[in-house]
């Protein structure tokens, strides 16, 4: 299983990176490979490539703002969440996507 995720908050500082770190930690705990792109105050980091998207089984968008390049995910089953959700319970976010993927 390979997931991609984008995290972004209005200010692009703390919550963006907290959500990203929690998603990485929860995925590792579940034995799932994940790549997390952050769109923060310093711009786009760990950008998700076309190769990542071609490989992805699903995508998580954790954001309270419009993310750059949302159209990249048209071919991937995608779930959107408020950025606070993976901060509170990243495992539940991943589980919800896994259930939707069947």
N, C-alpha and C. Protein backbone atom coordinates (compact mmCIF):
# COMPACT_ATOMS: atom_id res chain seq x y z
N UNK A 1 0.85 -1.18 0.00
CA UNK A 1 0.00 0.00 0.00
C UNK A 1 0.89 1.24 0.00
N UNK A 2 0.57 2.16 -0.89
CA UNK A 2 1.33 3.41 -1.01
C UNK A 2 0.33 4.56 -1.05
N UNK A 3 0.48 5.49 -0.11
CA UNK A 3 -0.39 6.64 -0.05
C UNK A 3 0.41 7.92 -0.26
N UNK A 4 -0.27 8.93 -0.77
CA UNK A 4 0.31 10.26 -0.84
C UNK A 4 -0.60 11.19 -0.05
N UNK A 5 -0.03 12.28 0.46
CA UNK A 5 -0.82 13.23 1.24
C UNK A 5 -0.26 14.63 1.03
N UNK A 6 -1.16 15.61 1.18
CA UNK A 6 -0.76 17.01 1.15
C UNK A 6 -1.32 17.65 2.42
N UNK A 7 -0.46 18.37 3.13
CA UNK A 7 -0.88 19.08 4.34
C UNK A 7 -0.63 20.57 4.15
N UNK A 8 -1.62 21.38 4.54
CA UNK A 8 -1.48 22.82 4.44
C UNK A 8 -2.47 23.49 5.38
N UNK A 9 -2.02 24.55 6.03
CA UNK A 9 -2.89 25.34 6.90
C UNK A 9 -2.81 26.80 6.50
N UNK A 10 -3.72 27.64 6.98
CA UNK A 10 -3.73 29.04 6.54
C UNK A 10 -2.40 29.78 6.74
N UNK A 11 -1.74 29.56 7.86
CA UNK A 11 -0.48 30.26 8.12
C UNK A 11 0.69 29.49 7.51
N UNK A 12 0.59 28.18 7.45
CA UNK A 12 1.63 27.37 6.83
C UNK A 12 2.84 27.15 7.71
N UNK A 13 2.61 27.13 9.01
CA UNK A 13 3.74 26.90 9.92
C UNK A 13 3.45 25.65 10.73
N UNK A 14 3.00 25.79 11.95
CA UNK A 14 2.90 24.67 12.88
C UNK A 14 1.97 23.54 12.44
N UNK A 15 0.70 23.86 12.15
CA UNK A 15 -0.26 22.80 11.89
C UNK A 15 0.08 21.98 10.65
N UNK A 16 0.60 22.62 9.62
CA UNK A 16 1.00 21.91 8.41
C UNK A 16 1.98 20.79 8.74
N UNK A 17 2.99 21.13 9.50
CA UNK A 17 4.07 20.17 9.79
C UNK A 17 3.68 19.16 10.86
N UNK A 18 2.81 19.56 11.80
CA UNK A 18 2.32 18.62 12.80
C UNK A 18 1.47 17.54 12.13
N UNK A 19 0.60 17.95 11.21
CA UNK A 19 -0.25 17.00 10.49
C UNK A 19 0.60 16.05 9.67
N UNK A 20 1.60 16.58 8.98
CA UNK A 20 2.49 15.75 8.16
C UNK A 20 3.23 14.73 9.01
N UNK A 21 3.78 15.17 10.12
CA UNK A 21 4.53 14.27 11.00
C UNK A 21 3.63 13.16 11.55
N UNK A 22 2.42 13.53 11.93
CA UNK A 22 1.50 12.52 12.49
C UNK A 22 1.07 11.51 11.44
N UNK A 23 0.85 11.96 10.20
CA UNK A 23 0.48 11.01 9.14
C UNK A 23 1.63 10.04 8.87
N UNK A 24 2.85 10.53 8.84
CA UNK A 24 4.02 9.66 8.62
C UNK A 24 4.14 8.64 9.74
N UNK A 25 3.98 9.08 10.96
CA UNK A 25 4.10 8.20 12.12
C UNK A 25 3.00 7.12 12.11
N UNK A 26 1.77 7.54 11.83
CA UNK A 26 0.65 6.58 11.81
C UNK A 26 0.80 5.57 10.68
N UNK A 27 1.24 6.03 9.52
CA UNK A 27 1.43 5.12 8.38
C UNK A 27 2.52 4.10 8.70
N UNK A 28 3.61 4.55 9.28
CA UNK A 28 4.71 3.64 9.63
C UNK A 28 4.22 2.58 10.61
N UNK A 29 3.43 3.00 11.59
CA UNK A 29 2.88 2.08 12.59
C UNK A 29 2.01 1.01 11.93
N UNK A 30 1.31 1.39 10.86
CA UNK A 30 0.42 0.46 10.15
C UNK A 30 1.12 -0.29 9.02
N UNK A 31 2.41 -0.03 8.82
CA UNK A 31 3.15 -0.71 7.77
C UNK A 31 2.79 -0.21 6.38
N UNK A 32 2.37 1.05 6.28
CA UNK A 32 1.98 1.64 5.01
C UNK A 32 3.03 2.67 4.61
N UNK A 33 3.40 2.63 3.34
CA UNK A 33 4.34 3.63 2.82
C UNK A 33 3.56 4.89 2.46
N UNK A 34 4.09 6.05 2.85
CA UNK A 34 3.40 7.31 2.57
C UNK A 34 4.42 8.39 2.21
N UNK A 35 4.02 9.25 1.28
CA UNK A 35 4.82 10.44 0.97
C UNK A 35 3.92 11.63 1.26
N UNK A 36 4.43 12.56 2.06
CA UNK A 36 3.64 13.70 2.48
C UNK A 36 4.27 14.99 1.96
N UNK A 37 3.51 15.71 1.15
CA UNK A 37 3.92 17.02 0.65
C UNK A 37 3.36 18.07 1.60
N UNK A 38 4.19 19.06 1.94
CA UNK A 38 3.70 20.17 2.74
C UNK A 38 3.69 21.43 1.88
N UNK A 39 2.64 22.20 2.05
CA UNK A 39 2.52 23.50 1.40
C UNK A 39 2.42 24.52 2.51
N UNK A 40 3.59 25.02 2.92
CA UNK A 40 3.65 25.91 4.07
C UNK A 40 4.21 27.27 3.76
N UNK A 41 4.63 27.95 4.80
CA UNK A 41 5.17 29.31 4.67
C UNK A 41 6.42 29.34 3.80
N UNK A 42 7.16 28.23 3.75
CA UNK A 42 8.38 28.18 2.95
C UNK A 42 8.14 27.61 1.56
N UNK A 43 6.87 27.44 1.18
CA UNK A 43 6.54 26.92 -0.14
C UNK A 43 6.25 25.43 -0.09
N UNK A 44 6.35 24.78 -1.24
CA UNK A 44 6.07 23.35 -1.36
C UNK A 44 7.34 22.56 -1.03
N UNK A 45 7.19 21.60 -0.12
CA UNK A 45 8.30 20.73 0.25
C UNK A 45 7.88 19.28 0.03
N UNK A 46 8.85 18.44 -0.34
CA UNK A 46 8.60 17.01 -0.62
C UNK A 46 7.48 16.86 -1.64
N UNK A 47 7.59 17.60 -2.73
CA UNK A 47 6.53 17.63 -3.74
C UNK A 47 6.22 16.23 -4.28
N UNK A 48 4.94 15.94 -4.39
CA UNK A 48 4.48 14.67 -4.93
C UNK A 48 4.64 14.73 -6.45
N UNK A 49 5.32 13.75 -6.99
CA UNK A 49 5.62 13.70 -8.42
C UNK A 49 4.54 12.91 -9.19
N UNK A 50 4.60 12.99 -10.51
CA UNK A 50 3.70 12.19 -11.35
C UNK A 50 3.91 10.71 -11.08
N UNK A 51 5.16 10.31 -10.82
CA UNK A 51 5.47 8.91 -10.52
C UNK A 51 4.81 8.49 -9.21
N UNK A 52 4.85 9.37 -8.21
CA UNK A 52 4.20 9.08 -6.93
C UNK A 52 2.70 8.86 -7.13
N UNK A 53 2.09 9.74 -7.92
CA UNK A 53 0.65 9.64 -8.15
C UNK A 53 0.31 8.38 -8.93
N UNK A 54 1.11 8.02 -9.91
CA UNK A 54 0.87 6.80 -10.69
C UNK A 54 0.93 5.57 -9.79
N UNK A 55 1.76 5.60 -8.77
CA UNK A 55 1.94 4.49 -7.85
C UNK A 55 0.94 4.47 -6.71
N UNK A 56 0.31 5.60 -6.43
CA UNK A 56 -0.51 5.75 -5.23
C UNK A 56 -1.81 4.95 -5.29
N UNK A 57 -2.12 4.34 -4.15
CA UNK A 57 -3.40 3.64 -3.98
C UNK A 57 -4.48 4.61 -3.52
N UNK A 58 -4.06 5.71 -2.88
CA UNK A 58 -5.00 6.70 -2.38
C UNK A 58 -4.27 7.95 -1.96
N UNK A 59 -5.06 9.02 -1.76
CA UNK A 59 -4.48 10.30 -1.36
C UNK A 59 -5.28 10.92 -0.23
N UNK A 60 -4.56 11.60 0.64
CA UNK A 60 -5.15 12.33 1.76
C UNK A 60 -4.82 13.81 1.56
N UNK A 61 -5.84 14.64 1.61
CA UNK A 61 -5.63 16.09 1.58
C UNK A 61 -6.04 16.60 2.96
N UNK A 62 -5.08 17.08 3.73
CA UNK A 62 -5.35 17.63 5.06
C UNK A 62 -5.06 19.13 4.99
N UNK A 63 -6.12 19.90 4.77
CA UNK A 63 -5.91 21.32 4.51
C UNK A 63 -7.13 22.14 4.86
N UNK A 64 -6.87 23.37 5.32
CA UNK A 64 -7.94 24.34 5.56
C UNK A 64 -7.92 25.44 4.51
N UNK A 65 -7.04 25.29 3.53
CA UNK A 65 -6.93 26.26 2.44
C UNK A 65 -6.88 25.50 1.12
N UNK A 66 -7.07 26.20 0.03
CA UNK A 66 -6.97 25.56 -1.28
C UNK A 66 -5.51 25.18 -1.53
N UNK A 67 -5.28 23.92 -1.88
CA UNK A 67 -3.90 23.49 -2.14
C UNK A 67 -3.54 23.72 -3.59
N UNK A 68 -2.25 23.88 -3.83
CA UNK A 68 -1.75 24.05 -5.19
C UNK A 68 -1.71 22.69 -5.88
N UNK A 69 -2.22 22.62 -7.10
CA UNK A 69 -2.12 21.40 -7.88
C UNK A 69 -3.09 20.30 -7.51
N UNK A 70 -4.27 20.67 -7.03
CA UNK A 70 -5.26 19.67 -6.65
C UNK A 70 -5.64 18.77 -7.82
N UNK A 71 -5.60 19.30 -9.03
CA UNK A 71 -5.99 18.53 -10.22
C UNK A 71 -5.06 17.33 -10.45
N UNK A 72 -3.89 17.32 -9.83
CA UNK A 72 -2.97 16.17 -9.96
C UNK A 72 -3.59 14.88 -9.45
N UNK A 73 -4.55 15.00 -8.54
CA UNK A 73 -5.09 13.83 -7.85
C UNK A 73 -6.36 13.27 -8.48
N UNK A 74 -6.72 13.74 -9.67
CA UNK A 74 -7.96 13.30 -10.32
C UNK A 74 -8.01 11.79 -10.54
N UNK A 75 -6.87 11.16 -10.77
CA UNK A 75 -6.85 9.72 -11.07
C UNK A 75 -6.69 8.85 -9.81
N UNK A 76 -6.65 9.47 -8.64
CA UNK A 76 -6.39 8.74 -7.40
C UNK A 76 -7.57 8.91 -6.44
N UNK A 77 -8.05 7.82 -5.82
CA UNK A 77 -9.09 7.99 -4.80
C UNK A 77 -8.57 8.91 -3.70
N UNK A 78 -9.31 9.99 -3.44
CA UNK A 78 -8.82 11.05 -2.54
C UNK A 78 -9.87 11.37 -1.48
N UNK A 79 -9.40 11.56 -0.25
CA UNK A 79 -10.26 12.02 0.83
C UNK A 79 -9.67 13.30 1.39
N UNK A 80 -10.55 14.25 1.69
CA UNK A 80 -10.11 15.52 2.25
C UNK A 80 -10.54 15.64 3.70
N UNK A 81 -9.66 16.26 4.48
CA UNK A 81 -9.88 16.45 5.91
C UNK A 81 -9.42 17.85 6.30
N UNK A 82 -9.93 18.35 7.40
CA UNK A 82 -9.38 19.57 7.97
C UNK A 82 -7.98 19.22 8.48
N UNK A 83 -7.07 20.17 8.46
CA UNK A 83 -5.70 19.90 8.86
C UNK A 83 -5.62 19.45 10.33
N UNK A 84 -6.59 19.83 11.13
CA UNK A 84 -6.59 19.43 12.54
C UNK A 84 -6.86 17.94 12.75
N UNK A 85 -7.52 17.29 11.80
CA UNK A 85 -7.89 15.89 11.99
C UNK A 85 -6.69 14.95 12.11
N UNK A 86 -5.69 15.02 11.22
CA UNK A 86 -4.53 14.15 11.44
C UNK A 86 -3.67 14.58 12.63
N UNK A 87 -3.81 15.82 13.06
CA UNK A 87 -3.10 16.23 14.28
C UNK A 87 -3.71 15.51 15.48
N UNK A 88 -5.04 15.45 15.52
CA UNK A 88 -5.75 14.80 16.62
C UNK A 88 -5.64 13.28 16.55
N UNK A 89 -5.85 12.70 15.34
CA UNK A 89 -5.87 11.25 15.22
C UNK A 89 -5.55 10.83 13.78
N UNK A 90 -4.27 10.79 13.46
CA UNK A 90 -3.84 10.44 12.11
C UNK A 90 -4.20 9.00 11.75
N UNK A 91 -4.17 8.12 12.75
CA UNK A 91 -4.53 6.72 12.47
C UNK A 91 -5.96 6.63 11.97
N UNK A 92 -6.87 7.38 12.56
CA UNK A 92 -8.28 7.36 12.14
C UNK A 92 -8.43 7.89 10.71
N UNK A 93 -7.64 8.90 10.35
CA UNK A 93 -7.67 9.45 9.00
C UNK A 93 -7.25 8.38 8.00
N UNK A 94 -6.15 7.70 8.29
CA UNK A 94 -5.66 6.64 7.39
C UNK A 94 -6.66 5.49 7.33
N UNK A 95 -7.22 5.11 8.48
CA UNK A 95 -8.20 4.02 8.51
C UNK A 95 -9.43 4.36 7.68
N UNK A 96 -9.87 5.62 7.75
CA UNK A 96 -11.05 6.03 6.98
C UNK A 96 -10.79 5.90 5.48
N UNK A 97 -9.60 6.31 5.04
CA UNK A 97 -9.24 6.16 3.64
C UNK A 97 -9.15 4.69 3.26
N UNK A 98 -8.54 3.88 4.11
CA UNK A 98 -8.40 2.43 3.84
C UNK A 98 -9.76 1.77 3.69
N UNK A 99 -10.71 2.13 4.55
CA UNK A 99 -12.05 1.58 4.46
C UNK A 99 -12.71 1.97 3.14
N UNK A 100 -12.54 3.21 2.76
CA UNK A 100 -13.13 3.68 1.50
C UNK A 100 -12.52 2.97 0.29
N UNK A 101 -11.23 2.64 0.39
CA UNK A 101 -10.57 1.94 -0.71
C UNK A 101 -11.01 0.48 -0.79
N UNK A 102 -11.52 -0.04 0.33
CA UNK A 102 -12.02 -1.41 0.36
C UNK A 102 -10.91 -2.36 0.49
